[in-house]
Amino acid sequence: MTTIKPRKAILTLREERPPSGRGGKIRLDMNENTRGAARSVVRSVRRAVIGRQLGTYPEYGTACAELARHFKVSADELLLTNGIDDAIKLICDTFVDPGDTLLVPALTFTMYRFFQTVAGGKTAVVHHDEHLRLPLHDVLRALRQWRPRWLALANPNNPTGTMMPQDDLRAILRAAPATLVLVDEAYFDYSDHTVLTWIRRFPNLVVARTFSKAYGLAGLRLGVLLARRELTGWMRRAHAVFPVNSMAVAAALEAIRHPEEVERHVREVRENRDRLCHCLNSLGVPYSSSAANFVFACFGPKAPQIARRLAKDGILVRHWGRDPQLHSYFRIGIGTRSEIGCLIRALRSLRHMIEPLHTDTVWRGVAEYSATAH
């Protein structure tokens, strides 16, 4: 038996593994653009593979300048990351000392808490209310109580799809000038609401974006962090020299040259999201109003059986089977028209398994969520 042990923080973590066995199925479990990248983007990757880029290390100068123009920032206000996961890790590597506190909504993207724990930090949570809102007064009270090193807010939030009002975000940024505030805009393209233009007004603001969702590049793993140059300068010191690969850069540059492709995809998602919500209404399934490419819905006590039946039919949705507080809920990604059609037909065939729910208790599991399983 080896005598080499990990840091204490690692002992508390559960191993996270990516999903497998998804080939050939309707994949509505990971919030992906299931149509995939535009053809012009695929061609750009093929050209990069055929060329000499596989044998040489990436160069980022020209790419960062072009991406900065796209995001309407300066090149020194932008950092390339290996997806938003890597962006979160970079924030922890740069700013979190052991014992520092992260403040997050109790139900949100799990990677904030994960990388905070790896860094040896603590996590405090703010609970949603029974209408899936994050009360501003609770956030402000938690900021005073915990004085966190950083605060992470996904906007739209994952998995609820809900938005935090910009007035609330502004109040938070003003109330906590010593707290780094990450606004994760992974689903910005579907919501059209951003605080990116605020980075020069608020020196504690960092905005994250990704090419994994609307651009259909999840397999290439490219994200960006955007902040004032003082913050990006500190993060650049902790950053890898070659954080992203040449294929990802080539694909992203081609993708931003064709905004009409993203616009077409976003229109399709909104139309299909409306179709799914209409179906959920007809089945009596409560769901949250979503500004993202997924819908968070409560299917009641038989949700685990429904998830298994859907999987047997080759349709995958996100179900928290190991979490007793969320076992009634699904997060359903919005796929293509044909994929959502298949899902709707499958749900209607399972109508007999869906039990009516009292509206005053539908979101109680979320409001009381402790995040202990994450």
Protein backbone atom coordinates (compact mmCIF):
# COMPACT_ATOMS: atom_id res chain seq x y z
CA MET A 1 0.00 0.00 0.00
CA THR A 2 1.35 3.41 -0.97
CA THR A 3 2.15 5.91 1.77
CA ILE A 4 1.60 8.84 -0.59
CA LYS A 5 -1.61 10.66 0.29
CA PRO A 6 -3.36 13.57 -1.42
CA ARG A 7 -4.08 16.94 0.12
CA LYS A 8 -6.89 16.93 2.69
CA ALA A 9 -9.17 18.85 0.31
CA ILE A 10 -9.03 15.98 -2.20
CA LEU A 11 -10.14 13.42 0.38
CA THR A 12 -13.57 15.08 0.57
CA LEU A 13 -14.16 14.99 -3.19
CA ARG A 14 -16.11 12.47 -5.19
CA GLU A 15 -14.56 11.47 -8.51
CA GLU A 16 -16.25 13.26 -11.40
CA ARG A 17 -16.44 11.32 -14.65
CA PRO A 18 -17.75 12.49 -18.01
CA PRO A 19 -20.81 10.68 -19.37
CA SER A 20 -20.28 7.72 -21.65
CA GLY A 21 -22.40 5.42 -23.81
CA ARG A 22 -24.25 8.33 -25.42
CA GLY A 23 -23.50 7.40 -29.04
CA GLY A 24 -26.52 7.04 -31.31
CA LYS A 25 -28.94 8.48 -28.73
CA ILE A 26 -30.92 11.71 -28.56
CA ARG A 27 -28.66 13.63 -26.20
CA LEU A 28 -30.68 16.20 -24.30
CA ASP A 29 -28.71 15.78 -21.07
CA MET A 30 -25.68 18.07 -21.54
CA ASN A 31 -27.09 21.35 -22.95
CA GLU A 32 -25.21 20.84 -26.21
CA ASN A 33 -25.92 22.26 -29.64
CA THR A 34 -26.98 18.87 -30.99
CA ARG A 35 -26.90 20.09 -34.58
CA GLY A 36 -23.18 20.72 -34.20
CA ALA A 37 -20.87 23.34 -35.62
CA ALA A 38 -21.51 25.13 -38.90
CA ARG A 39 -20.05 23.50 -42.02
CA SER A 40 -17.65 26.38 -42.56
CA VAL A 41 -16.29 25.81 -39.05
CA VAL A 42 -15.81 22.09 -39.72
CA ARG A 43 -13.92 22.95 -42.92
CA SER A 44 -11.64 25.34 -41.00
CA VAL A 45 -10.72 22.56 -38.56
CA ARG A 46 -10.00 20.19 -41.44
CA ARG A 47 -7.71 22.77 -43.03
CA ALA A 48 -5.89 23.17 -39.73
CA VAL A 49 -5.44 19.40 -39.43
CA ILE A 50 -4.14 19.07 -42.99
CA GLY A 51 -1.75 21.97 -42.46
CA ARG A 52 1.23 22.12 -40.15
CA GLN A 53 -0.68 23.25 -37.08
CA LEU A 54 -0.76 19.78 -35.52
CA GLY A 55 3.03 19.76 -35.33
CA THR A 56 3.54 23.26 -33.99
CA TYR A 57 2.60 24.98 -30.76
CA PRO A 58 -0.30 27.45 -30.96
CA GLU A 59 0.21 31.17 -31.40
CA TYR A 60 -2.51 33.33 -29.91
CA GLY A 61 -1.66 36.94 -30.78
CA THR A 62 -3.71 37.34 -33.95
CA ALA A 63 -6.53 35.17 -32.63
CA CYS A 64 -6.82 37.13 -29.37
CA ALA A 65 -6.91 40.41 -31.27
CA GLU A 66 -9.73 39.16 -33.53
CA LEU A 67 -11.68 37.65 -30.64
CA ALA A 68 -11.25 40.85 -28.64
CA ARG A 69 -12.79 42.84 -31.50
CA HIS A 70 -15.68 40.36 -31.54
CA PHE A 71 -16.32 40.83 -27.82
CA LYS A 72 -15.64 44.59 -28.06
CA VAL A 73 -12.81 44.56 -25.53
CA SER A 74 -9.08 45.09 -25.78
CA ALA A 75 -6.79 42.09 -26.25
CA ASP A 76 -5.35 42.46 -22.75
CA GLU A 77 -8.85 42.23 -21.28
CA LEU A 78 -9.33 38.72 -22.69
CA LEU A 79 -7.96 35.31 -21.73
CA LEU A 80 -8.46 32.06 -23.66
CA THR A 81 -9.36 29.05 -21.53
CA ASN A 82 -9.98 25.36 -22.10
CA GLY A 83 -13.74 25.80 -21.68
CA ILE A 84 -15.41 27.54 -18.73
CA ASP A 85 -14.30 24.73 -16.40
CA ASP A 86 -10.71 25.83 -16.98
CA ALA A 87 -11.74 29.46 -16.51
CA ILE A 88 -13.14 28.63 -13.07
CA LYS A 89 -9.98 26.74 -12.18
CA LEU A 90 -7.89 29.71 -13.27
CA ILE A 91 -9.84 32.02 -10.96
CA CYS A 92 -9.22 29.63 -8.06
CA ASP A 93 -5.53 29.22 -8.96
CA THR A 94 -5.10 32.99 -9.01
CA PHE A 95 -7.22 34.27 -6.15
CA VAL A 96 -8.13 31.49 -3.69
CA ASP A 97 -6.00 30.68 -0.67
CA PRO A 98 -6.86 27.72 1.60
CA GLY A 99 -9.75 28.72 3.83
CA ASP A 100 -11.06 31.45 1.52
CA THR A 101 -14.81 31.48 0.90
CA LEU A 102 -16.79 31.18 -2.32
CA LEU A 103 -20.43 32.33 -2.31
CA VAL A 104 -22.81 30.66 -4.79
CA PRO A 105 -26.50 29.89 -5.20
CA ALA A 106 -27.23 26.55 -3.55
CA LEU A 107 -28.40 25.11 -6.86
CA THR A 108 -26.08 26.09 -9.68
CA PHE A 109 -23.24 24.83 -11.88
CA THR A 110 -21.29 22.35 -9.75
CA MET A 111 -17.82 23.21 -11.04
CA TYR A 112 -17.62 26.43 -9.01
CA ARG A 113 -17.78 24.46 -5.79
CA PHE A 114 -15.62 21.65 -7.17
CA PHE A 115 -12.59 23.80 -8.03
CA GLN A 116 -13.03 25.87 -4.87
CA THR A 117 -12.76 22.66 -2.85
CA VAL A 118 -9.71 21.50 -4.81
CA ALA A 119 -8.06 24.83 -3.94
CA GLY A 120 -8.73 24.21 -0.25
CA GLY A 121 -11.44 26.84 0.01
CA LYS A 122 -14.86 26.85 1.68
CA THR A 123 -18.24 27.39 0.02
CA ALA A 124 -21.23 29.29 1.40
CA VAL A 125 -24.60 29.19 -0.32
CA VAL A 126 -27.61 31.44 -0.90
CA HIS A 127 -30.93 29.70 -1.45
CA HIS A 128 -33.46 30.35 -4.17
CA ASP A 129 -36.97 31.15 -3.02
CA GLU A 130 -40.04 29.07 -3.87
CA HIS A 131 -40.42 30.97 -7.14
CA LEU A 132 -36.85 30.07 -8.24
CA ARG A 133 -35.67 33.63 -7.68
CA LEU A 134 -32.41 34.45 -5.91
CA PRO A 135 -33.44 37.16 -3.42
CA LEU A 136 -31.14 40.16 -3.60
CA HIS A 137 -31.44 40.90 0.13
CA ASP A 138 -30.27 37.35 0.91
CA VAL A 139 -27.25 37.73 -1.37
CA LEU A 140 -26.31 41.08 0.17
CA ARG A 141 -26.72 39.67 3.69
CA ALA A 142 -24.49 36.69 2.79
CA LEU A 143 -21.85 39.03 1.36
CA ARG A 144 -21.76 40.92 4.67
CA GLN A 145 -21.73 37.73 6.71
CA TRP A 146 -19.14 35.73 4.79
CA ARG A 147 -17.02 38.43 3.13
CA PRO A 148 -16.23 35.91 0.37
CA ARG A 149 -13.13 35.98 -1.76
CA TRP A 150 -15.34 35.47 -4.79
CA LEU A 151 -18.96 35.07 -5.85
CA ALA A 152 -20.07 32.97 -8.85
CA LEU A 153 -23.37 33.69 -10.60
CA ALA A 154 -24.41 31.83 -13.74
CA ASN A 155 -26.75 34.07 -15.72
CA PRO A 156 -28.88 32.34 -17.01
CA ASN A 157 -28.48 29.92 -14.12
CA ASN A 158 -27.76 26.25 -14.72
CA PRO A 159 -29.90 24.17 -14.17
CA THR A 160 -32.90 26.44 -13.53
CA GLY A 161 -32.54 28.59 -16.67
CA THR A 162 -33.58 31.65 -14.68
CA MET A 163 -32.08 35.13 -14.96
CA MET A 164 -30.91 37.52 -12.28
CA PRO A 165 -32.08 41.08 -12.99
CA GLN A 166 -29.36 43.50 -14.06
CA ASP A 167 -30.33 45.93 -11.30
CA ASP A 168 -29.61 43.15 -8.77
CA LEU A 169 -26.25 42.38 -10.38
CA ARG A 170 -25.34 46.07 -10.28
CA ALA A 171 -26.27 46.27 -6.59
CA ILE A 172 -24.13 43.21 -5.82
CA LEU A 173 -21.09 44.59 -7.63
CA ARG A 174 -21.38 47.89 -5.77
CA ALA A 175 -21.96 46.23 -2.39
CA ALA A 176 -18.88 43.98 -2.54
CA PRO A 177 -15.92 45.85 -4.08
CA ALA A 178 -13.46 43.51 -2.32
CA THR A 179 -15.17 40.37 -3.69
CA LEU A 180 -14.38 39.12 -7.18
CA VAL A 181 -17.71 38.55 -8.95
CA LEU A 182 -17.81 36.02 -11.77
CA VAL A 183 -20.86 36.35 -14.02
CA ASP A 184 -20.90 33.17 -16.06
CA GLU A 185 -22.64 33.91 -19.36
CA ALA A 186 -22.30 30.47 -20.92
CA TYR A 187 -25.89 30.76 -22.21
CA PHE A 188 -25.73 34.43 -23.20
CA ASP A 189 -26.57 33.75 -26.85
CA TYR A 190 -30.01 32.43 -25.85
CA SER A 191 -30.80 35.21 -23.37
CA ASP A 192 -29.26 38.32 -25.04
CA HIS A 193 -28.62 39.79 -21.58
CA THR A 194 -25.02 40.59 -20.67
CA VAL A 195 -22.93 42.62 -18.24
CA LEU A 196 -19.84 42.44 -20.42
CA THR A 197 -19.90 46.19 -21.07
CA TRP A 198 -19.56 46.74 -17.31
CA ILE A 199 -16.02 45.35 -16.93
CA ARG A 200 -14.41 48.80 -17.07
CA ARG A 201 -16.96 50.25 -14.65
CA PHE A 202 -16.57 47.54 -12.00
CA PRO A 203 -12.98 46.46 -11.22
CA ASN A 204 -14.27 43.37 -9.35
CA LEU A 205 -16.21 41.94 -12.33
CA VAL A 206 -15.15 38.95 -14.45
CA VAL A 207 -17.35 37.66 -17.29
CA ALA A 208 -17.06 34.16 -18.75
CA ARG A 209 -18.23 33.10 -22.21
CA THR A 210 -17.95 29.81 -24.07
CA PHE A 211 -18.01 28.43 -27.61
CA SER A 212 -19.40 25.11 -26.33
CA LYS A 213 -23.10 25.99 -26.50
CA ALA A 214 -24.55 28.11 -29.30
CA TYR A 215 -21.43 27.73 -31.46
CA GLY A 216 -21.52 23.94 -31.24
CA LEU A 217 -17.85 23.51 -30.26
CA ALA A 218 -18.17 21.62 -26.97
CA GLY A 219 -15.74 18.95 -28.18
CA LEU A 220 -12.97 21.50 -28.77
CA ARG A 221 -13.25 23.17 -25.34
CA LEU A 222 -12.80 26.91 -25.81
CA GLY A 223 -13.90 29.59 -23.38
CA VAL A 224 -12.90 33.16 -22.64
CA LEU A 225 -12.56 35.24 -19.50
CA LEU A 226 -13.12 38.97 -19.85
CA ALA A 227 -12.17 41.54 -17.21
CA ARG A 228 -10.17 44.69 -16.62
CA ARG A 229 -6.52 44.33 -17.50
CA GLU A 230 -5.50 44.42 -13.84
CA LEU A 231 -7.43 41.21 -13.17
CA THR A 232 -6.44 39.47 -16.40
CA GLY A 233 -2.83 40.41 -15.68
CA TRP A 234 -2.91 38.55 -12.37
CA MET A 235 -4.64 35.56 -13.95
CA ARG A 236 -2.14 35.48 -16.80
CA ARG A 237 0.59 34.77 -14.24
CA ALA A 238 -1.22 31.58 -13.14
CA HIS A 239 -2.26 30.58 -16.67
CA ALA A 240 -0.77 27.80 -18.76
CA VAL A 241 1.47 28.96 -21.60
CA PHE A 242 -0.57 26.98 -24.15
CA PRO A 243 -4.05 26.81 -22.58
CA VAL A 244 -6.06 25.89 -25.72
CA ASN A 245 -5.30 23.94 -28.88
CA SER A 246 -4.92 25.22 -32.43
CA MET A 247 -8.04 23.43 -33.67
CA ALA A 248 -10.21 25.22 -31.10
CA VAL A 249 -8.76 28.60 -32.02
CA ALA A 250 -9.23 28.01 -35.76
CA ALA A 251 -12.84 26.91 -35.22
CA ALA A 252 -13.68 29.88 -33.00
CA LEU A 253 -12.27 32.40 -35.45
CA GLU A 254 -14.31 30.92 -38.29
CA ALA A 255 -17.42 30.73 -36.11
CA ILE A 256 -17.44 34.43 -35.22
CA ARG A 257 -17.22 35.31 -38.92
CA HIS A 258 -20.64 33.72 -39.44
CA PRO A 259 -23.01 35.19 -36.83
CA GLU A 260 -25.97 34.20 -38.99
CA GLU A 261 -25.30 30.54 -38.12
CA VAL A 262 -25.63 31.23 -34.40
CA GLU A 263 -28.71 33.38 -34.97
CA ARG A 264 -30.35 30.55 -36.95
CA HIS A 265 -29.54 28.07 -34.19
CA VAL A 266 -30.87 30.36 -31.45
CA ARG A 267 -34.14 30.85 -33.34
CA GLU A 268 -34.52 27.08 -33.66
CA VAL A 269 -33.84 26.58 -29.95
CA ARG A 270 -36.42 29.17 -28.95
CA GLU A 271 -39.03 27.65 -31.24
CA ASN A 272 -38.34 24.13 -29.96
CA ARG A 273 -38.28 25.33 -26.36
CA ASP A 274 -41.75 26.78 -26.88
CA ARG A 275 -42.92 23.46 -28.37
CA LEU A 276 -41.59 21.53 -25.39
CA CYS A 277 -43.15 23.96 -22.90
CA HIS A 278 -46.50 23.66 -24.68
CA CYS A 279 -46.24 19.88 -24.28
CA LEU A 280 -45.33 20.19 -20.59
CA ASN A 281 -48.34 22.46 -20.08
CA SER A 282 -50.63 19.88 -21.66
CA LEU A 283 -49.20 17.19 -19.37
CA GLY A 284 -49.47 19.32 -16.23
CA VAL A 285 -45.70 19.31 -15.70
CA PRO A 286 -44.46 22.49 -13.96
CA TYR A 287 -41.32 24.09 -15.41
CA SER A 288 -39.32 27.24 -14.86
CA SER A 289 -39.26 30.08 -17.36
CA SER A 290 -35.96 29.49 -19.15
CA ALA A 291 -33.69 31.97 -20.92
CA ALA A 292 -31.29 29.18 -21.93
CA ASN A 293 -31.20 26.15 -24.23
CA PHE A 294 -32.77 23.86 -21.64
CA VAL A 295 -35.86 23.62 -19.46
CA PHE A 296 -35.92 22.71 -15.77
CA ALA A 297 -39.08 20.74 -15.00
CA CYS A 298 -40.63 18.84 -12.10
CA PHE A 299 -41.98 15.39 -13.05
CA GLY A 300 -42.92 14.30 -9.56
CA PRO A 301 -42.20 11.13 -7.57
CA LYS A 302 -42.02 8.87 -10.64
CA ALA A 303 -39.33 10.96 -12.32
CA PRO A 304 -36.66 8.22 -11.91
CA GLN A 305 -38.88 5.67 -13.67
CA ILE A 306 -39.70 8.18 -16.41
CA ALA A 307 -36.00 8.90 -16.93
CA ARG A 308 -35.30 5.19 -17.28
CA ARG A 309 -38.13 4.74 -19.78
CA LEU A 310 -36.85 7.65 -21.84
CA ALA A 311 -33.32 6.25 -21.77
CA LYS A 312 -34.64 2.87 -22.90
CA ASP A 313 -36.18 4.69 -25.88
CA GLY A 314 -32.80 6.29 -26.61
CA ILE A 315 -33.61 9.73 -25.18
CA LEU A 316 -31.27 11.14 -22.53
CA VAL A 317 -32.24 13.92 -20.12
CA ARG A 318 -30.41 15.19 -17.05
CA HIS A 319 -31.80 13.53 -13.94
CA TRP A 320 -30.23 13.72 -10.48
CA GLY A 321 -30.83 10.12 -9.48
CA ARG A 322 -28.35 10.18 -6.58
CA ASP A 323 -29.71 13.39 -5.06
CA PRO A 324 -32.89 12.90 -2.97
CA GLN A 325 -33.64 16.63 -3.07
CA LEU A 326 -33.70 16.72 -6.87
CA HIS A 327 -34.98 13.28 -7.77
CA SER A 328 -38.28 14.76 -9.06
CA TYR A 329 -36.60 17.13 -11.51
CA PHE A 330 -35.24 16.96 -15.06
CA ARG A 331 -33.12 19.41 -16.96
CA ILE A 332 -34.04 18.90 -20.61
CA GLY A 333 -31.75 20.25 -23.31
CA ILE A 334 -33.36 21.73 -26.41
CA GLY A 335 -32.29 19.77 -29.47
CA THR A 336 -33.34 19.88 -33.11
CA ARG A 337 -36.95 19.91 -34.26
CA SER A 338 -36.93 16.17 -34.89
CA GLU A 339 -35.28 15.42 -31.53
CA ILE A 340 -37.80 17.48 -29.59
CA GLY A 341 -40.56 15.83 -31.60
CA CYS A 342 -39.32 12.41 -30.49
CA LEU A 343 -39.17 13.58 -26.88
CA ILE A 344 -42.68 15.03 -26.99
CA ARG A 345 -44.12 11.79 -28.38
CA ALA A 346 -42.29 9.80 -25.72
CA LEU A 347 -43.53 12.03 -22.89
CA ARG A 348 -47.10 11.82 -24.10
CA SER A 349 -46.87 8.05 -24.14
CA LEU A 350 -45.79 8.22 -20.47
CA ARG A 351 -48.64 10.51 -19.45
CA HIS A 352 -49.98 7.86 -17.07
CA MET A 353 -46.78 8.09 -14.99
CA ILE A 354 -46.98 11.85 -14.47
CA GLU A 355 -48.80 12.80 -11.28
CA PRO A 356 -50.45 16.20 -10.71
CA LEU A 357 -48.47 18.44 -8.37
CA HIS A 358 -49.51 21.26 -6.09
CA THR A 359 -47.98 24.47 -7.37
CA ASP A 360 -47.08 25.68 -3.88
CA THR A 361 -44.75 22.72 -3.35
CA VAL A 362 -43.25 22.27 -6.83
CA TRP A 363 -40.05 24.26 -6.23
CA ARG A 364 -39.72 23.58 -2.51
CA GLY A 365 -36.97 21.03 -3.16
CA VAL A 366 -34.97 23.71 -4.94
CA ALA A 367 -35.67 26.34 -2.27
CA GLU A 368 -34.44 23.94 0.41
CA TYR A 369 -31.56 22.55 -1.60
CA SER A 370 -28.46 22.13 0.56
CA ALA A 371 -25.95 21.21 -2.16
CA THR A 372 -24.50 18.53 0.11
CA ALA A 373 -24.38 16.08 -2.77
CA HIS A 374 -22.19 18.37 -4.84
